[in-house]
Amino acid sequence: MLFRSDRTVAEVMSSPVLSVRPQTPLQEAVKLMSDHKVSGLAVIGDAGELVGELTETDLMVRESGFDAGPYVMLLDAVIYLRNPLQWDRQVHQVLGSSVADVMAKTSHSCPATTPLPAAARQLHDRSTQRLFVLDEARAPVGGLTRGDVVRALAADRKSTRLNSSHT
C-alpha cells in the first residue's frame, strides 16, 4: 500500500471549496476559475448542497461549438448516426449563458471520512481530476485533486524514509 492506511480525505483535502450557483452568469464563473487557477467549480443549490460541477471540459464544449456528428445521405435525406438525445445537452452548452446551461448535473464526490486509498482509486477509476468532499448534508467542505493525492503520497514516502533512518 502506498499510503498510510489510517489517512482520510479530510487530512489531505483543500478547503474551502470555490462554488457557484446554477443561476450564476457563465462569464462570472469563468472569471472565478481563471482568477483562482482552478479547473472546476462546485455548483451548489439553495440549501448549499452539491448539485453539479462546472469544469474546463464543459467550457471547451461551449467554445468548440455544436457538432452534429457523422451522417449519411439517403434519398435526399440526412440521417445522423449519433444519438439525437445527446444533441439537447450540447446545444444548451453552446448557447448557454448561465452555469446551469453548461454544468454537469452529476459530480464526483466522497465523504471526508473516506480513506485516502479509496479516494485515490475513485479518482483513477472514474478518470476524474477532482472529488468534492461532502458533509452529511451533501454540502461541499473541501476538494481532493489528483495533485493532492500525489503530494500526500510524497509526504508519506518522505515520512517513512525519515522514520526508518532513525531506527
Foldseek 3Di string as FASTA:
>chain_A
DLADQQAWQLVQFDDDFAEEEQQAWPVVVVVVCVVVVHFKHFYADPVQAGQFMDGVVLQVLQVVADDQADWDADPNDTGGPDDCVVRVLSVLSNPPGGNNSRTDRDFAAEERGHGLVVVLVVCVVVVHFKYFHADPVNHGGGMDGPVSSVVNSVVRVVVVVVVVVVD
